[in-house]
Amino acid sequence: TEDKRDKYLRIVSDEVNRLARLVRSMLNIARMESGELKLSPVDFDINETMCTTVFTLEQKIDSKQLEIRGLDRGKFMVSADSDLIHQVVYNLIDNAVKFVNQGGYIEFNYRVEGGFTYVGIRNSGDGIPKEEIPHVFEKFYKSDRSRSLDKNGVGLGLHIVRTIINLHAGDIIVRSVEGEYCEFEFALPTAKTSKGILRKG
């Protein structure tokens, strides 16, 4: 029937898109790990990238009635491949929105130390169990909770995030307290042209 036909066509379309995303992710990982992917670093404000990404996810944020904290702290200039870092930021903020509790918060924190700018993205909620933290950056790893909340994900997002950050000579860590919060913090080289932190007001 026409109704069933449309239903199954939507399922086929969704699965084709999911597989296309998987193939793109695997190709990107292969290029990164083989050294084929070359960085094109520029100086840019990482806080502006955060703001733009939050606006992109505004509908999801509004639907969960979330409080957004820390985006009014001024400019934090880094030197990195802006397209790749946008992918990092989108993956991390999208995850935060996905796993934050209804009516909770997402908080952005920055610090500059030893030639690197550290960026933290924290969300309230259930957090990540201690035994799962060592595995979250592994390929295809999905926790029991992420399987139930994100049926379309394949467990490559955080692995790609870490690979991109490592390509920039930085690192990413995760902190979590069950029942309270989860925070991912990554480091990028501070822009050499930066004259320190430019704060509003």
Protein backbone atom coordinates (compact mmCIF):
# COMPACT_ATOMS: atom_id res chain seq x y z
CA THR A 1 0.00 0.00 0.00
CA GLU A 2 1.01 3.62 -0.42
CA ASP A 3 1.35 4.16 3.35
CA LYS A 4 3.62 1.15 3.80
CA ARG A 5 5.63 2.08 0.72
CA ASP A 6 6.38 5.55 2.09
CA LYS A 7 7.23 4.12 5.50
CA TYR A 8 9.75 1.63 4.09
CA LEU A 9 11.24 4.20 1.71
CA ARG A 10 11.91 6.46 4.70
CA ILE A 11 13.62 3.57 6.50
CA VAL A 12 15.76 2.82 3.43
CA SER A 13 16.63 6.52 3.07
CA ASP A 14 17.60 6.83 6.74
CA GLU A 15 19.81 3.72 6.55
CA VAL A 16 21.51 4.89 3.34
CA ASN A 17 22.29 8.23 5.00
CA ARG A 18 23.59 6.46 8.10
CA LEU A 19 25.86 4.24 6.01
CA ALA A 20 27.07 7.25 4.01
CA ARG A 21 28.02 9.00 7.27
CA LEU A 22 29.83 5.86 8.41
CA VAL A 23 31.81 5.63 5.16
CA ARG A 24 32.75 9.33 5.34
CA SER A 25 33.86 8.91 8.94
CA MET A 26 35.97 5.85 8.14
CA LEU A 27 37.61 7.61 5.18
CA ASN A 28 38.38 10.65 7.34
CA ILE A 29 39.91 8.47 10.04
CA ALA A 30 42.03 6.62 7.45
CA ARG A 31 43.30 9.91 6.01
CA MET A 32 44.13 11.26 9.46
CA GLU A 33 45.89 8.14 10.69
CA SER A 34 47.90 7.74 7.47
CA GLY A 35 49.12 11.34 7.60
CA GLU A 36 47.44 12.09 4.27
CA LEU A 37 45.29 14.82 5.79
CA LYS A 38 47.19 18.10 5.89
CA LEU A 39 46.22 20.82 8.36
CA SER A 40 45.54 24.37 7.19
CA PRO A 41 45.97 26.33 10.44
CA VAL A 42 44.63 29.87 10.80
CA ASP A 43 44.12 32.14 13.80
CA PHE A 44 40.50 32.29 14.94
CA ASP A 45 38.34 32.83 18.01
CA ILE A 46 37.34 29.43 19.41
CA ASN A 47 34.61 31.05 21.51
CA GLU A 48 32.97 32.37 18.34
CA THR A 49 32.98 28.83 16.94
CA MET A 50 31.23 27.70 20.13
CA CYS A 51 28.60 30.44 19.81
CA THR A 52 27.90 29.61 16.15
CA THR A 53 27.49 25.92 16.93
CA VAL A 54 25.13 26.64 19.84
CA PHE A 55 22.96 28.74 17.52
CA THR A 56 22.91 25.85 15.03
CA LEU A 57 21.55 23.57 17.76
CA GLU A 58 19.18 26.19 19.18
CA GLN A 59 16.01 24.22 18.43
CA LYS A 60 17.23 21.15 20.35
CA ILE A 61 18.49 23.37 23.18
CA ASP A 62 15.15 25.17 23.48
CA SER A 63 13.19 21.91 23.41
CA LYS A 64 15.12 20.71 26.49
CA GLN A 65 14.90 24.15 28.19
CA LEU A 66 18.65 24.29 28.77
CA GLU A 67 20.70 27.03 30.41
CA ILE A 68 23.80 27.99 28.43
CA ARG A 69 26.71 29.34 30.49
CA GLY A 70 30.11 30.83 29.71
CA LEU A 71 29.78 32.12 26.14
CA ASP A 72 30.16 35.75 27.24
CA ARG A 73 33.81 35.50 28.30
CA GLY A 74 35.33 37.27 25.29
CA LYS A 75 37.79 36.11 22.63
CA PHE A 76 40.14 33.15 22.93
CA MET A 77 42.37 33.04 19.87
CA VAL A 78 43.79 29.69 18.76
CA SER A 79 45.86 28.54 15.79
CA ALA A 80 44.27 25.50 14.16
CA ASP A 81 42.45 24.13 11.12
CA SER A 82 39.11 25.88 11.55
CA ASP A 83 37.09 23.37 9.50
CA LEU A 84 38.37 20.38 11.46
CA ILE A 85 37.91 22.14 14.79
CA HIS A 86 34.36 23.05 13.82
CA GLN A 87 33.77 19.30 13.45
CA VAL A 88 35.23 18.75 16.93
CA VAL A 89 33.10 21.48 18.49
CA TYR A 90 29.91 20.33 16.76
CA ASN A 91 30.39 16.71 17.86
CA LEU A 92 31.07 17.67 21.48
CA ILE A 93 28.23 20.19 21.81
CA ASP A 94 25.78 17.90 20.00
CA ASN A 95 26.72 15.13 22.45
CA ALA A 96 26.25 17.49 25.38
CA VAL A 97 22.77 18.44 24.15
CA LYS A 98 21.94 14.78 23.59
CA PHE A 99 22.92 13.63 27.07
CA VAL A 100 22.09 16.65 29.25
CA ASN A 101 19.07 16.30 31.51
CA GLN A 102 15.84 18.17 30.73
CA GLY A 103 16.10 21.68 32.16
CA GLY A 104 19.81 21.26 32.85
CA TYR A 105 22.81 23.32 31.73
CA ILE A 106 25.73 23.32 29.31
CA GLU A 107 28.74 25.32 30.46
CA PHE A 108 31.80 26.50 28.52
CA ASN A 109 35.11 27.13 30.28
CA TYR A 110 38.42 28.49 28.99
CA ARG A 111 41.95 28.81 30.31
CA VAL A 112 45.28 29.67 28.68
CA GLU A 113 48.39 27.89 29.90
CA GLY A 114 51.81 26.95 28.49
CA GLY A 115 51.10 27.97 24.91
CA PHE A 116 47.77 26.13 24.79
CA THR A 117 44.16 27.24 25.16
CA TYR A 118 42.05 24.72 27.07
CA VAL A 119 38.35 24.54 26.25
CA GLY A 120 35.88 22.72 28.49
CA ILE A 121 32.32 21.73 27.59
CA ARG A 122 30.37 20.54 30.63
CA ASN A 123 26.77 19.32 30.79
CA SER A 124 24.68 18.40 33.78
CA GLY A 125 23.03 14.99 33.85
CA ASP A 126 23.81 11.35 34.54
CA GLY A 127 27.48 11.60 33.55
CA ILE A 128 29.61 8.66 32.43
CA PRO A 129 30.24 5.66 34.70
CA LYS A 130 33.84 5.50 35.93
CA GLU A 131 34.49 2.13 34.28
CA GLU A 132 33.44 3.45 30.86
CA ILE A 133 35.64 6.59 30.83
CA PRO A 134 38.81 4.80 29.56
CA HIS A 135 36.87 3.53 26.52
CA VAL A 136 34.90 6.56 25.29
CA PHE A 137 37.47 7.52 22.62
CA GLU A 138 37.78 4.00 21.18
CA LYS A 139 36.49 3.24 17.68
CA PHE A 140 32.89 1.99 17.62
CA TYR A 141 32.56 2.16 21.41
CA LYS A 142 29.08 3.00 22.65
CA SER A 143 27.97 2.87 26.26
CA ASP A 144 24.67 1.25 27.18
CA ARG A 145 23.15 4.69 27.74
CA SER A 146 24.35 6.11 24.42
CA ARG A 147 22.91 3.11 22.60
CA SER A 148 19.48 3.90 24.00
CA LEU A 149 19.67 7.68 23.40
CA ASP A 150 21.49 7.74 20.06
CA LYS A 151 20.36 4.90 17.83
CA ASN A 152 21.89 6.45 14.68
CA GLY A 153 25.39 6.89 16.06
CA VAL A 154 28.09 4.33 15.30
CA GLY A 155 30.60 5.18 18.00
CA LEU A 156 33.10 7.07 15.85
CA GLY A 157 32.43 10.68 16.82
CA LEU A 158 34.67 10.89 19.88
CA HIS A 159 37.42 8.88 18.21
CA ILE A 160 37.46 11.39 15.34
CA VAL A 161 37.44 14.27 17.84
CA ARG A 162 40.52 12.92 19.65
CA THR A 163 42.31 12.19 16.37
CA ILE A 164 41.77 15.78 15.17
CA ILE A 165 42.92 17.27 18.48
CA ASN A 166 46.02 15.02 18.50
CA LEU A 167 46.85 16.20 14.96
CA HIS A 168 47.08 19.71 16.46
CA ALA A 169 49.55 18.49 19.13
CA GLY A 170 46.81 18.86 21.73
CA ASP A 171 44.94 16.39 23.92
CA ILE A 172 41.40 15.81 25.13
CA ILE A 173 40.26 14.41 28.46
CA VAL A 174 36.92 13.61 30.03
CA ARG A 175 35.84 14.23 33.62
CA SER A 176 32.59 12.97 35.04
CA VAL A 177 30.71 12.58 38.31
CA GLU A 178 27.79 10.19 37.99
CA GLY A 179 24.47 11.88 38.60
CA GLU A 180 26.03 15.36 38.37
CA TYR A 181 27.93 16.22 35.19
CA CYS A 182 30.20 15.22 32.34
CA GLU A 183 32.94 17.45 30.90
CA PHE A 184 35.20 17.15 27.87
CA GLU A 185 38.24 19.44 27.83
CA PHE A 186 40.52 19.79 24.81
CA ALA A 187 43.67 21.83 24.18
CA LEU A 188 44.69 23.77 21.06
CA PRO A 189 47.75 25.93 20.40
CA THR A 190 47.14 29.53 21.41
CA ALA A 191 47.52 31.92 18.48
CA LYS A 192 50.95 33.56 18.52
CA THR A 193 49.38 36.80 17.31
CA SER A 194 47.08 36.83 20.34
CA LYS A 195 47.75 39.60 22.83
CA GLY A 196 46.31 37.61 25.65
CA ILE A 197 42.67 37.08 26.49
CA LEU A 198 40.32 39.74 25.19
CA ARG A 199 37.45 40.01 27.61
CA LYS A 200 34.24 41.90 27.07
CA GLY A 201 33.55 44.93 29.19
